[in-house]
Amino acid sequence: MNDASLPGFDQPDLLASLEAMTDTELDALGFGVIGLRPDTVVCRYNAYESRAAGLSPARVLGLPLFSVVAQCMNNFLVAQRFDDAAEVGQPLDAIVDFVLTLRMRPTPVKLRLLATPGVERRYVLIQRL
């Protein structure tokens, strides 16, 4: 993919695009991407998010997102939305104004939460403001 064909943060049906992308293509995106399994363990983590958060992939991949990596997201605005959508078998595509507070000074961001039944990975996308 070249820069013109890279999906944007607001692109419709973005989850399908992310699932089809290689890790190299994820690294080219201009926003943070964290992919997680249903047990919340991080399985994808792009270069943009690594640079912005100051956390290397080695410190994030294979760890639970909400209890270890980003405890500030372990609340009703983020983690609970994934649980609620999974419980009723509904897709999740929500944009949330949020302030990241763990391991950094408070940083306002927009989060996009993506999940759909039948797709194992879920995604937290992070657009810094």
Protein backbone atom coordinates (compact mmCIF):
# COMPACT_ATOMS: atom_id res chain seq x y z
CA MET A 1 0.00 0.00 0.00
CA ASN A 2 1.21 3.50 -0.71
CA ASP A 3 0.43 6.50 1.52
CA ALA A 4 -2.55 7.53 -0.62
CA SER A 5 -4.17 4.13 -0.23
CA LEU A 6 -3.61 3.82 3.52
CA PRO A 7 -6.83 3.87 5.51
CA GLY A 8 -7.57 6.79 7.80
CA PHE A 9 -8.72 6.77 11.40
CA ASP A 10 -12.33 7.57 10.39
CA GLN A 11 -12.58 5.17 7.45
CA PRO A 12 -15.78 3.09 7.37
CA ASP A 13 -15.29 -0.67 7.73
CA LEU A 14 -11.79 -0.08 9.08
CA LEU A 15 -11.65 -3.36 11.00
CA ALA A 16 -11.67 -5.38 7.77
CA SER A 17 -8.86 -3.22 6.38
CA LEU A 18 -6.75 -3.66 9.52
CA GLU A 19 -7.23 -7.41 9.47
CA ALA A 20 -5.98 -7.54 5.87
CA MET A 21 -2.89 -5.41 6.56
CA THR A 22 0.58 -6.74 7.23
CA ASP A 23 2.51 -5.50 10.24
CA THR A 24 4.62 -3.34 7.90
CA GLU A 25 1.46 -1.72 6.52
CA LEU A 26 0.17 -1.13 10.07
CA ASP A 27 3.47 0.58 10.86
CA ALA A 28 2.88 3.06 8.02
CA LEU A 29 -0.40 4.34 9.49
CA GLY A 30 -0.56 7.83 10.98
CA PHE A 31 -2.32 6.75 14.17
CA GLY A 32 -1.82 4.17 16.89
CA VAL A 33 -3.08 0.62 16.44
CA ILE A 34 -3.35 -1.94 19.22
CA GLY A 35 -4.81 -5.31 18.26
CA LEU A 36 -5.92 -7.64 21.01
CA ARG A 37 -7.32 -11.10 21.39
CA PRO A 38 -10.64 -11.70 23.17
CA ASP A 39 -8.68 -12.32 26.39
CA THR A 40 -7.31 -8.73 25.95
CA VAL A 41 -3.73 -9.89 25.29
CA VAL A 42 -2.03 -7.54 22.82
CA CYS A 43 -1.16 -9.29 19.55
CA ARG A 44 -0.60 -6.31 17.21
CA TYR A 45 1.09 -3.01 18.01
CA ASN A 46 2.17 -0.55 15.37
CA ALA A 47 5.26 1.67 15.18
CA TYR A 48 3.27 4.91 15.49
CA GLU A 49 1.84 3.85 18.85
CA SER A 50 5.19 2.54 20.04
CA ARG A 51 6.84 5.91 19.36
CA ALA A 52 3.97 7.97 20.77
CA ALA A 53 3.59 5.92 23.96
CA GLY A 54 7.29 5.30 24.45
CA LEU A 55 6.71 1.57 24.82
CA SER A 56 8.55 -0.91 22.65
CA PRO A 57 6.67 -3.86 21.15
CA ALA A 58 8.65 -6.16 23.46
CA ARG A 59 7.07 -4.38 26.47
CA VAL A 60 3.52 -4.66 25.08
CA LEU A 61 3.04 -7.74 22.88
CA GLY A 62 1.81 -10.77 24.77
CA LEU A 63 0.56 -8.79 27.77
CA PRO A 64 -3.05 -8.01 28.78
CA LEU A 65 -3.93 -4.51 27.57
CA PHE A 66 -6.32 -3.40 30.28
CA SER A 67 -4.65 -4.87 33.36
CA VAL A 68 -0.96 -4.40 32.50
CA VAL A 69 -0.26 -2.17 29.48
CA ALA A 70 -2.94 0.54 29.63
CA GLN A 71 -4.69 0.37 32.96
CA CYS A 72 -6.17 3.83 32.34
CA MET A 73 -8.44 2.18 29.72
CA ASN A 74 -9.76 -0.42 32.14
CA ASN A 75 -13.11 1.32 32.64
CA PHE A 76 -16.67 1.58 31.30
CA LEU A 77 -15.61 3.88 28.45
CA VAL A 78 -13.21 1.38 26.87
CA ALA A 79 -12.79 -2.14 28.29
CA GLN A 80 -16.43 -2.53 29.30
CA ARG A 81 -17.62 -1.60 25.80
CA PHE A 82 -15.74 -4.56 24.34
CA ASP A 83 -17.25 -6.87 26.96
CA ASP A 84 -20.77 -5.53 26.44
CA ALA A 85 -20.62 -5.87 22.65
CA ALA A 86 -19.26 -9.43 22.87
CA GLU A 87 -21.89 -10.43 25.43
CA VAL A 88 -24.77 -9.50 23.10
CA GLY A 89 -22.98 -10.53 19.88
CA GLN A 90 -23.03 -7.03 18.40
CA PRO A 91 -20.33 -5.23 16.42
CA LEU A 92 -18.55 -2.35 18.11
CA ASP A 93 -17.39 0.76 16.27
CA ALA A 94 -17.22 3.66 18.69
CA ILE A 95 -15.14 6.83 18.84
CA VAL A 96 -14.43 8.05 22.36
CA ASP A 97 -12.82 11.27 23.53
CA PHE A 98 -10.31 10.13 26.13
CA VAL A 99 -7.31 11.24 28.18
CA LEU A 100 -4.40 8.81 28.46
CA THR A 101 -2.82 9.04 31.89
CA LEU A 102 -0.67 5.98 32.48
CA ARG A 103 3.14 6.38 32.19
CA MET A 104 2.77 9.84 30.67
CA ARG A 105 1.43 13.29 31.33
CA PRO A 106 -2.31 13.50 30.59
CA THR A 107 -2.68 13.27 26.82
CA PRO A 108 -6.01 13.99 25.10
CA VAL A 109 -6.81 11.52 22.33
CA LYS A 110 -9.63 10.06 20.33
CA LEU A 111 -9.97 6.31 20.65
CA ARG A 112 -11.75 4.17 18.11
CA LEU A 113 -12.91 0.82 19.44
CA LEU A 114 -13.48 -1.88 16.84
CA ALA A 115 -14.78 -5.42 17.23
CA THR A 116 -17.20 -7.63 15.35
CA PRO A 117 -18.56 -11.12 15.89
CA GLY A 118 -16.64 -13.68 13.86
CA VAL A 119 -13.40 -11.67 13.88
CA GLU A 120 -11.14 -12.78 16.71
CA ARG A 121 -9.02 -9.64 17.00
CA ARG A 122 -10.35 -6.44 18.46
CA TYR A 123 -8.70 -3.08 17.99
CA VAL A 124 -8.08 0.09 19.95
CA LEU A 125 -7.01 2.89 17.62
CA ILE A 126 -5.45 6.02 19.09
CA GLN A 127 -5.45 9.41 17.38
CA ARG A 128 -3.47 12.02 19.25
CA LEU A 129 -4.99 15.49 19.18
